[in-house]
Amino acid sequence: CDPGVSPSPGAVKVTPGHSPQDLALARAHALPLLSVIADDGTLCPPGGGWLQGVPRFEARAQVVAALAQRGLLRGVTDHAMTLPLCR
């Protein structure tokens, strides 16, 4: 357990390339820095061999379907997201 992470009943996604906080968390726990989405927006091998070459939005739907099929999906909830843009 990390003191910088709030307790949660679900999984915690750490994306070191997306925020300084996630990068610090990954480094503190010696997590490997992996790229799962290629420059063309498709999944690459660290993202799961069965999803290799699948566009990211299609991959999300396939993961949700796979979890549901196995009885592991607890729900899907949309949330607001802020994406800064450089101009």
PDB file of N, CA and C in Angstrom:
ATOM      1  N   CYS A   1       0.848  -1.180   0.000  1.00  0.00           N
ATOM      2  CA  CYS A   1       0.000   0.000   0.000  1.00  0.00           C
ATOM      3  C   CYS A   1       0.897   1.247   0.000  1.00  0.00           C
ATOM      4  N   ASP A   2       0.507   2.221  -0.766  1.00  0.00           N
ATOM      5  CA  ASP A   2       1.278   3.453  -0.868  1.00  0.00           C
ATOM      6  C   ASP A   2       0.525   4.570  -0.164  1.00  0.00           C
ATOM      7  N   PRO A   3       1.178   5.345   0.675  1.00  0.00           N
ATOM      8  CA  PRO A   3       0.486   6.420   1.394  1.00  0.00           C
ATOM      9  C   PRO A   3      -0.059   7.519   0.479  1.00  0.00           C
ATOM     10  N   GLY A   4       0.442   7.601  -0.754  1.00  0.00           N
ATOM     11  CA  GLY A   4      -0.028   8.623  -1.682  1.00  0.00           C
ATOM     12  C   GLY A   4      -1.249   8.210  -2.479  1.00  0.00           C
ATOM     13  N   VAL A   5      -1.736   6.991  -2.257  1.00  0.00           N
ATOM     14  CA  VAL A   5      -2.879   6.477  -3.000  1.00  0.00           C
ATOM     15  C   VAL A   5      -4.035   6.244  -2.040  1.00  0.00           C
ATOM     16  N   SER A   6      -5.195   6.789  -2.371  1.00  0.00           N
ATOM     17  CA  SER A   6      -6.381   6.602  -1.528  1.00  0.00           C
ATOM     18  C   SER A   6      -6.855   5.159  -1.623  1.00  0.00           C
ATOM     19  N   PRO A   7      -7.277   4.571  -0.494  1.00  0.00           N
ATOM     20  CA  PRO A   7      -7.805   3.206  -0.528  1.00  0.00           C
ATOM     21  C   PRO A   7      -9.000   3.123  -1.483  1.00  0.00           C
ATOM     22  N   SER A   8      -9.066   2.024  -2.221  1.00  0.00           N
ATOM     23  CA  SER A   8     -10.105   1.859  -3.220  1.00  0.00           C
ATOM     24  C   SER A   8     -10.461   0.385  -3.331  1.00  0.00           C
ATOM     25  N   PRO A   9     -11.737   0.082  -3.577  1.00  0.00           N
ATOM     26  CA  PRO A   9     -12.117  -1.319  -3.747  1.00  0.00           C
ATOM     27  C   PRO A   9     -11.764  -1.859  -5.132  1.00  0.00           C
ATOM     28  N   GLY A  10     -11.303  -1.000  -6.025  1.00  0.00           N
ATOM     29  CA  GLY A  10     -11.022  -1.419  -7.402  1.00  0.00           C
ATOM     30  C   GLY A  10      -9.546  -1.361  -7.726  1.00  0.00           C
ATOM     31  N   ALA A  11      -9.251  -1.521  -8.978  1.00  0.00           N
ATOM     32  CA  ALA A  11      -7.872  -1.471  -9.461  1.00  0.00           C
ATOM     33  C   ALA A  11      -7.399  -0.024  -9.542  1.00  0.00           C
ATOM     34  N   VAL A  12      -6.111   0.171  -9.408  1.00  0.00           N
ATOM     35  CA  VAL A  12      -5.509   1.487  -9.551  1.00  0.00           C
ATOM     36  C   VAL A  12      -4.669   1.474 -10.819  1.00  0.00           C
ATOM     37  N   LYS A  13      -4.956   2.396 -11.715  1.00  0.00           N
ATOM     38  CA  LYS A  13      -4.217   2.499 -12.972  1.00  0.00           C
ATOM     39  C   LYS A  13      -3.110   3.532 -12.783  1.00  0.00           C
ATOM     40  N   VAL A  14      -1.900   3.119 -13.077  1.00  0.00           N
ATOM     41  CA  VAL A  14      -0.753   4.012 -12.992  1.00  0.00           C
ATOM     42  C   VAL A  14      -0.204   4.187 -14.399  1.00  0.00           C
ATOM     43  N   THR A  15      -0.236   5.421 -14.893  1.00  0.00           N
ATOM     44  CA  THR A  15       0.282   5.714 -16.234  1.00  0.00           C
ATOM     45  C   THR A  15       1.379   6.770 -16.114  1.00  0.00           C
ATOM     46  N   PRO A  16       2.620   6.304 -15.924  1.00  0.00           N
ATOM     47  CA  PRO A  16       3.735   7.220 -15.680  1.00  0.00           C
ATOM     48  C   PRO A  16       3.955   8.261 -16.765  1.00  0.00           C
ATOM     49  N   GLY A  17       3.558   7.983 -17.988  1.00  0.00           N
ATOM     50  CA  GLY A  17       3.755   8.945 -19.067  1.00  0.00           C
ATOM     51  C   GLY A  17       2.694  10.024 -19.106  1.00  0.00           C
ATOM     52  N   HIS A  18       1.694   9.939 -18.230  1.00  0.00           N
ATOM     53  CA  HIS A  18       0.582  10.884 -18.298  1.00  0.00           C
ATOM     54  C   HIS A  18       0.544  11.897 -17.178  1.00  0.00           C
ATOM     55  N   SER A  19       1.261  11.643 -16.091  1.00  0.00           N
ATOM     56  CA  SER A  19       1.250  12.639 -15.025  1.00  0.00           C
ATOM     57  C   SER A  19       2.503  12.517 -14.169  1.00  0.00           C
ATOM     58  N   PRO A  20       2.970  13.635 -13.626  1.00  0.00           N
ATOM     59  CA  PRO A  20       4.134  13.595 -12.740  1.00  0.00           C
ATOM     60  C   PRO A  20       3.878  12.735 -11.500  1.00  0.00           C
ATOM     61  N   GLN A  21       2.648  12.749 -10.988  1.00  0.00           N
ATOM     62  CA  GLN A  21       2.316  11.953  -9.805  1.00  0.00           C
ATOM     63  C   GLN A  21       2.447  10.460 -10.105  1.00  0.00           C
ATOM     64  N   ASP A  22       1.945  10.040 -11.262  1.00  0.00           N
ATOM     65  CA  ASP A  22       2.040   8.626 -11.626  1.00  0.00           C
ATOM     66  C   ASP A  22       3.491   8.230 -11.890  1.00  0.00           C
ATOM     67  N   LEU A  23       4.278   9.125 -12.478  1.00  0.00           N
ATOM     68  CA  LEU A  23       5.684   8.835 -12.710  1.00  0.00           C
ATOM     69  C   LEU A  23       6.412   8.650 -11.377  1.00  0.00           C
ATOM     70  N   ALA A  24       6.145   9.525 -10.420  1.00  0.00           N
ATOM     71  CA  ALA A  24       6.776   9.410  -9.100  1.00  0.00           C
ATOM     72  C   ALA A  24       6.365   8.111  -8.411  1.00  0.00           C
ATOM     73  N   LEU A  25       5.096   7.741  -8.519  1.00  0.00           N
ATOM     74  CA  LEU A  25       4.599   6.503  -7.920  1.00  0.00           C
ATOM     75  C   LEU A  25       5.282   5.288  -8.555  1.00  0.00           C
ATOM     76  N   ALA A  26       5.393   5.297  -9.877  1.00  0.00           N
ATOM     77  CA  ALA A  26       6.045   4.184 -10.580  1.00  0.00           C
ATOM     78  C   ALA A  26       7.511   4.065 -10.169  1.00  0.00           C
ATOM     79  N   ARG A  27       8.198   5.181 -10.092  1.00  0.00           N
ATOM     80  CA  ARG A  27       9.613   5.146  -9.702  1.00  0.00           C
ATOM     81  C   ARG A  27       9.777   4.689  -8.254  1.00  0.00           C
ATOM     82  N   ALA A  28       8.900   5.145  -7.367  1.00  0.00           N
ATOM     83  CA  ALA A  28       8.990   4.771  -5.956  1.00  0.00           C
ATOM     84  C   ALA A  28       8.826   3.267  -5.757  1.00  0.00           C
ATOM     85  N   HIS A  29       8.091   2.632  -6.648  1.00  0.00           N
ATOM     86  CA  HIS A  29       7.836   1.192  -6.516  1.00  0.00           C
ATOM     87  C   HIS A  29       8.587   0.380  -7.569  1.00  0.00           C
ATOM     88  N   ALA A  30       9.546   1.018  -8.251  1.00  0.00           N
ATOM     89  CA  ALA A  30      10.386   0.362  -9.263  1.00  0.00           C
ATOM     90  C   ALA A  30       9.555  -0.350 -10.335  1.00  0.00           C
ATOM     91  N   LEU A  31       8.455   0.279 -10.734  1.00  0.00           N
ATOM     92  CA  LEU A  31       7.629  -0.299 -11.792  1.00  0.00           C
ATOM     93  C   LEU A  31       8.266  -0.014 -13.147  1.00  0.00           C
ATOM     94  N   PRO A  32       8.192  -0.957 -14.077  1.00  0.00           N
ATOM     95  CA  PRO A  32       8.753  -0.698 -15.406  1.00  0.00           C
ATOM     96  C   PRO A  32       7.915   0.341 -16.146  1.00  0.00           C
ATOM     97  N   LEU A  33       8.572   1.162 -16.953  1.00  0.00           N
ATOM     98  CA  LEU A  33       7.868   2.170 -17.742  1.00  0.00           C
ATOM     99  C   LEU A  33       7.598   1.571 -19.118  1.00  0.00           C
ATOM    100  N   LEU A  34       6.361   1.170 -19.353  1.00  0.00           N
ATOM    101  CA  LEU A  34       5.971   0.491 -20.585  1.00  0.00           C
ATOM    102  C   LEU A  34       5.072   1.378 -21.436  1.00  0.00           C
ATOM    103  N   SER A  35       5.208   1.248 -22.736  1.00  0.00           N
ATOM    104  CA  SER A  35       4.274   1.883 -23.658  1.00  0.00           C
ATOM    105  C   SER A  35       3.343   0.794 -24.163  1.00  0.00           C
ATOM    106  N   VAL A  36       2.053   0.970 -23.942  1.00  0.00           N
ATOM    107  CA  VAL A  36       1.087  -0.036 -24.402  1.00  0.00           C
ATOM    108  C   VAL A  36       0.335   0.436 -25.635  1.00  0.00           C
ATOM    109  N   ILE A  37       0.429   1.724 -25.957  1.00  0.00           N
ATOM    110  CA  ILE A  37      -0.234   2.263 -27.146  1.00  0.00           C
ATOM    111  C   ILE A  37       0.841   2.810 -28.074  1.00  0.00           C
ATOM    112  N   ALA A  38       0.851   2.301 -29.299  1.00  0.00           N
ATOM    113  CA  ALA A  38       1.832   2.723 -30.307  1.00  0.00           C
ATOM    114  C   ALA A  38       1.477   4.121 -30.836  1.00  0.00           C
ATOM    115  N   ASP A  39       2.396   4.705 -31.585  1.00  0.00           N
ATOM    116  CA  ASP A  39       2.185   6.044 -32.152  1.00  0.00           C
ATOM    117  C   ASP A  39       0.949   6.114 -33.037  1.00  0.00           C
ATOM    118  N   ASP A  40       0.553   4.985 -33.643  1.00  0.00           N
ATOM    119  CA  ASP A  40      -0.620   4.982 -34.523  1.00  0.00           C
ATOM    120  C   ASP A  40      -1.930   4.730 -33.775  1.00  0.00           C
ATOM    121  N   GLY A  41      -1.865   4.652 -32.423  1.00  0.00           N
ATOM    122  CA  GLY A  41      -3.076   4.481 -31.626  1.00  0.00           C
ATOM    123  C   GLY A  41      -3.532   3.042 -31.458  1.00  0.00           C
ATOM    124  N   THR A  42      -2.705   2.089 -31.874  1.00  0.00           N
ATOM    125  CA  THR A  42      -3.048   0.686 -31.685  1.00  0.00           C
ATOM    126  C   THR A  42      -2.278   0.137 -30.489  1.00  0.00           C
ATOM    127  N   LEU A  43      -2.774  -0.957 -29.928  1.00  0.00           N
ATOM    128  CA  LEU A  43      -2.103  -1.570 -28.795  1.00  0.00           C
ATOM    129  C   LEU A  43      -0.867  -2.325 -29.276  1.00  0.00           C
ATOM    130  N   CYS A  44       0.196  -2.244 -28.487  1.00  0.00           N
ATOM    131  CA  CYS A  44       1.417  -2.976 -28.799  1.00  0.00           C
ATOM    132  C   CYS A  44       1.600  -4.078 -27.748  1.00  0.00           C
ATOM    133  N   PRO A  45       2.575  -4.981 -27.902  1.00  0.00           N
ATOM    134  CA  PRO A  45       2.664  -6.184 -27.082  1.00  0.00           C
ATOM    135  C   PRO A  45       2.508  -6.010 -25.565  1.00  0.00           C
ATOM    136  N   PRO A  46       3.103  -4.999 -24.912  1.00  0.00           N
ATOM    137  CA  PRO A  46       2.887  -4.912 -23.464  1.00  0.00           C
ATOM    138  C   PRO A  46       1.414  -4.696 -23.075  1.00  0.00           C
ATOM    139  N   GLY A  47       0.599  -4.264 -24.022  1.00  0.00           N
ATOM    140  CA  GLY A  47      -0.826  -4.051 -23.756  1.00  0.00           C
ATOM    141  C   GLY A  47      -1.642  -5.329 -23.797  1.00  0.00           C
ATOM    142  N   GLY A  48      -1.019  -6.428 -24.093  1.00  0.00           N
ATOM    143  CA  GLY A  48      -1.700  -7.716 -24.166  1.00  0.00           C
ATOM    144  C   GLY A  48      -1.615  -8.268 -25.573  1.00  0.00           C
ATOM    145  N   GLY A  49      -1.009  -9.436 -25.712  1.00  0.00           N
ATOM    146  CA  GLY A  49      -0.820 -10.024 -27.027  1.00  0.00           C
ATOM    147  C   GLY A  49      -2.106 -10.159 -27.823  1.00  0.00           C
ATOM    148  N   TRP A  50      -3.201 -10.482 -27.154  1.00  0.00           N
ATOM    149  CA  TRP A  50      -4.481 -10.668 -27.845  1.00  0.00           C
ATOM    150  C   TRP A  50      -5.048  -9.360 -28.364  1.00  0.00           C
ATOM    151  N   LEU A  51      -4.494  -8.245 -27.916  1.00  0.00           N
ATOM    152  CA  LEU A  51      -4.965  -6.930 -28.372  1.00  0.00           C
ATOM    153  C   LEU A  51      -3.971  -6.238 -29.306  1.00  0.00           C
ATOM    154  N   GLN A  52      -2.862  -6.888 -29.610  1.00  0.00           N
ATOM    155  CA  GLN A  52      -1.837  -6.274 -30.443  1.00  0.00           C
ATOM    156  C   GLN A  52      -2.409  -5.860 -31.792  1.00  0.00           C
ATOM    157  N   GLY A  53      -2.201  -4.582 -32.142  1.00  0.00           N
ATOM    158  CA  GLY A  53      -2.659  -4.049 -33.418  1.00  0.00           C
ATOM    159  C   GLY A  53      -4.092  -3.545 -33.413  1.00  0.00           C
ATOM    160  N   VAL A  54      -4.800  -3.715 -32.299  1.00  0.00           N
ATOM    161  CA  VAL A  54      -6.202  -3.274 -32.200  1.00  0.00           C
ATOM    162  C   VAL A  54      -6.225  -1.783 -31.821  1.00  0.00           C
ATOM    163  N   PRO A  55      -7.004  -0.952 -32.523  1.00  0.00           N
ATOM    164  CA  PRO A  55      -7.115   0.466 -32.141  1.00  0.00           C
ATOM    165  C   PRO A  55      -7.602   0.602 -30.691  1.00  0.00           C
ATOM    166  N   ARG A  56      -7.092   1.617 -29.985  1.00  0.00           N
ATOM    167  CA  ARG A  56      -7.317   1.739 -28.537  1.00  0.00           C
ATOM    168  C   ARG A  56      -8.786   1.732 -28.133  1.00  0.00           C
ATOM    169  N   PHE A  57      -9.665   2.394 -28.883  1.00  0.00           N
ATOM    170  CA  PHE A  57     -11.066   2.427 -28.486  1.00  0.00           C
ATOM    171  C   PHE A  57     -11.735   1.077 -28.705  1.00  0.00           C
ATOM    172  N   GLU A  58     -11.346   0.372 -29.748  1.00  0.00           N
ATOM    173  CA  GLU A  58     -11.863  -0.985 -29.963  1.00  0.00           C
ATOM    174  C   GLU A  58     -11.333  -1.923 -28.880  1.00  0.00           C
ATOM    175  N   ALA A  59     -10.077  -1.738 -28.487  1.00  0.00           N
ATOM    176  CA  ALA A  59      -9.475  -2.566 -27.448  1.00  0.00           C
ATOM    177  C   ALA A  59     -10.231  -2.405 -26.132  1.00  0.00           C
ATOM    178  N   ARG A  60     -10.616  -1.175 -25.809  1.00  0.00           N
ATOM    179  CA  ARG A  60     -11.360  -0.945 -24.570  1.00  0.00           C
ATOM    180  C   ARG A  60     -12.651  -1.743 -24.569  1.00  0.00           C
ATOM    181  N   ALA A  61     -13.379  -1.716 -25.679  1.00  0.00           N
ATOM    182  CA  ALA A  61     -14.630  -2.464 -25.774  1.00  0.00           C
ATOM    183  C   ALA A  61     -14.372  -3.969 -25.639  1.00  0.00           C
ATOM    184  N   GLN A  62     -13.270  -4.454 -26.212  1.00  0.00           N
ATOM    185  CA  GLN A  62     -12.947  -5.875 -26.117  1.00  0.00           C
ATOM    186  C   GLN A  62     -12.585  -6.283 -24.692  1.00  0.00           C
ATOM    187  N   VAL A  63     -11.882  -5.416 -23.974  1.00  0.00           N
ATOM    188  CA  VAL A  63     -11.531  -5.703 -22.581  1.00  0.00           C
ATOM    189  C   VAL A  63     -12.794  -5.731 -21.720  1.00  0.00           C
ATOM    190  N   VAL A  64     -13.676  -4.756 -21.915  1.00  0.00           N
ATOM    191  CA  VAL A  64     -14.934  -4.724 -21.158  1.00  0.00           C
ATOM    192  C   VAL A  64     -15.736  -5.999 -21.435  1.00  0.00           C
ATOM    193  N   ALA A  65     -15.825  -6.403 -22.704  1.00  0.00           N
ATOM    194  CA  ALA A  65     -16.563  -7.612 -23.071  1.00  0.00           C
ATOM    195  C   ALA A  65     -15.926  -8.855 -22.449  1.00  0.00           C
ATOM    196  N   ALA A  66     -14.599  -8.931 -22.444  1.00  0.00           N
ATOM    197  CA  ALA A  66     -13.912 -10.085 -21.862  1.00  0.00           C
ATOM    198  C   ALA A  66     -14.146 -10.170 -20.355  1.00  0.00           C
ATOM    199  N   LEU A  67     -14.101  -9.033 -19.681  1.00  0.00           N
ATOM    200  CA  LEU A  67     -14.379  -9.017 -18.241  1.00  0.00           C
ATOM    201  C   LEU A  67     -15.820  -9.445 -17.961  1.00  0.00           C
ATOM    202  N   ALA A  68     -16.767  -8.926 -18.746  1.00  0.00           N
ATOM    203  CA  ALA A  68     -18.180  -9.276 -18.569  1.00  0.00           C
ATOM    204  C   ALA A  68     -18.393 -10.770 -18.806  1.00  0.00           C
ATOM    205  N   GLN A  69     -17.772 -11.311 -19.842  1.00  0.00           N
ATOM    206  CA  GLN A  69     -17.922 -12.735 -20.178  1.00  0.00           C
ATOM    207  C   GLN A  69     -17.431 -13.625 -19.039  1.00  0.00           C
ATOM    208  N   ARG A  70     -16.424 -13.174 -18.323  1.00  0.00           N
ATOM    209  CA  ARG A  70     -15.863 -13.959 -17.218  1.00  0.00           C
ATOM    210  C   ARG A  70     -16.535 -13.645 -15.881  1.00  0.00           C
ATOM    211  N   GLY A  71     -17.532 -12.756 -15.900  1.00  0.00           N
ATOM    212  CA  GLY A  71     -18.222 -12.392 -14.665  1.00  0.00           C
ATOM    213  C   GLY A  71     -17.403 -11.498 -13.764  1.00  0.00           C
ATOM    214  N   LEU A  72     -16.436 -10.784 -14.332  1.00  0.00           N
ATOM    215  CA  LEU A  72     -15.537  -9.944 -13.540  1.00  0.00           C
ATOM    216  C   LEU A  72     -15.829  -8.451 -13.656  1.00  0.00           C
ATOM    217  N   LEU A  73     -16.785  -8.072 -14.486  1.00  0.00           N
ATOM    218  CA  LEU A  73     -17.094  -6.649 -14.689  1.00  0.00           C
ATOM    219  C   LEU A  73     -18.059  -6.176 -13.609  1.00  0.00           C
ATOM    220  N   ARG A  74     -17.633  -5.155 -12.890  1.00  0.00           N
ATOM    221  CA  ARG A  74     -18.480  -4.595 -11.843  1.00  0.00           C
ATOM    222  C   ARG A  74     -19.263  -3.392 -12.336  1.00  0.00           C
ATOM    223  N   GLY A  75     -18.875  -2.848 -13.477  1.00  0.00           N
ATOM    224  CA  GLY A  75     -19.593  -1.706 -14.025  1.00  0.00           C
ATOM    225  C   GLY A  75     -18.680  -0.837 -14.862  1.00  0.00           C
ATOM    226  N   VAL A  76     -19.295   0.051 -15.621  1.00  0.00           N
ATOM    227  CA  VAL A  76     -18.576   1.014 -16.440  1.00  0.00           C
ATOM    228  C   VAL A  76     -19.141   2.378 -16.114  1.00  0.00           C
ATOM    229  N   THR A  77     -18.278   3.304 -15.750  1.00  0.00           N
ATOM    230  CA  THR A  77     -18.713   4.643 -15.373  1.00  0.00           C
ATOM    231  C   THR A  77     -17.899   5.675 -16.142  1.00  0.00           C
ATOM    232  N   ASP A  78     -18.577   6.577 -16.815  1.00  0.00           N
ATOM    233  CA  ASP A  78     -17.896   7.675 -17.473  1.00  0.00           C
ATOM    234  C   ASP A  78     -17.445   8.694 -16.423  1.00  0.00           C
ATOM    235  N   HIS A  79     -16.331   9.352 -16.682  1.00  0.00           N
ATOM    236  CA  HIS A  79     -15.879  10.405 -15.778  1.00  0.00           C
ATOM    237  C   HIS A  79     -15.243  11.513 -16.613  1.00  0.00           C
ATOM    238  N   ALA A  80     -15.303  12.710 -16.070  1.00  0.00           N
ATOM    239  CA  ALA A  80     -14.730  13.867 -16.754  1.00  0.00           C
ATOM    240  C   ALA A  80     -13.212  13.756 -16.734  1.00  0.00           C
ATOM    241  N   MET A  81     -12.582  14.215 -17.809  1.00  0.00           N
ATOM    242  CA  MET A  81     -11.134  14.125 -17.913  1.00  0.00           C
ATOM    243  C   MET A  81     -10.604  15.424 -18.518  1.00  0.00           C
ATOM    244  N   THR A  82      -9.547  15.952 -17.942  1.00  0.00           N
ATOM    245  CA  THR A  82      -8.940  17.172 -18.458  1.00  0.00           C
ATOM    246  C   THR A  82      -7.683  16.799 -19.223  1.00  0.00           C
ATOM    247  N   LEU A  83      -7.639  17.189 -20.477  1.00  0.00           N
ATOM    248  CA  LEU A  83      -6.468  16.922 -21.315  1.00  0.00           C
ATOM    249  C   LEU A  83      -5.891  18.257 -21.777  1.00  0.00           C
ATOM    250  N   PRO A  84      -4.741  18.641 -21.231  1.00  0.00           N
ATOM    251  CA  PRO A  84      -4.144  19.897 -21.676  1.00  0.00           C
ATOM    252  C   PRO A  84      -3.627  19.773 -23.110  1.00  0.00           C
ATOM    253  N   LEU A  85      -3.759  20.838 -23.862  1.00  0.00           N
ATOM    254  CA  LEU A  85      -3.290  20.861 -25.250  1.00  0.00           C
ATOM    255  C   LEU A  85      -2.253  21.942 -25.425  1.00  0.00           C
ATOM    256  N   CYS A  86      -1.224  21.629 -26.179  1.00  0.00           N
ATOM    257  CA  CYS A  86      -0.200  22.634 -26.532  1.00  0.00           C
ATOM    258  C   CYS A  86      -0.585  23.238 -27.862  1.00  0.00           C
ATOM    259  N   ARG A  87      -0.408  24.512 -28.005  1.00  0.00           N
ATOM    260  CA  ARG A  87      -0.722  25.177 -29.272  1.00  0.00           C
ATOM    261  C   ARG A  87       0.464  25.920 -29.779  1.00  0.00           C
TER     262      ARG A  87
END
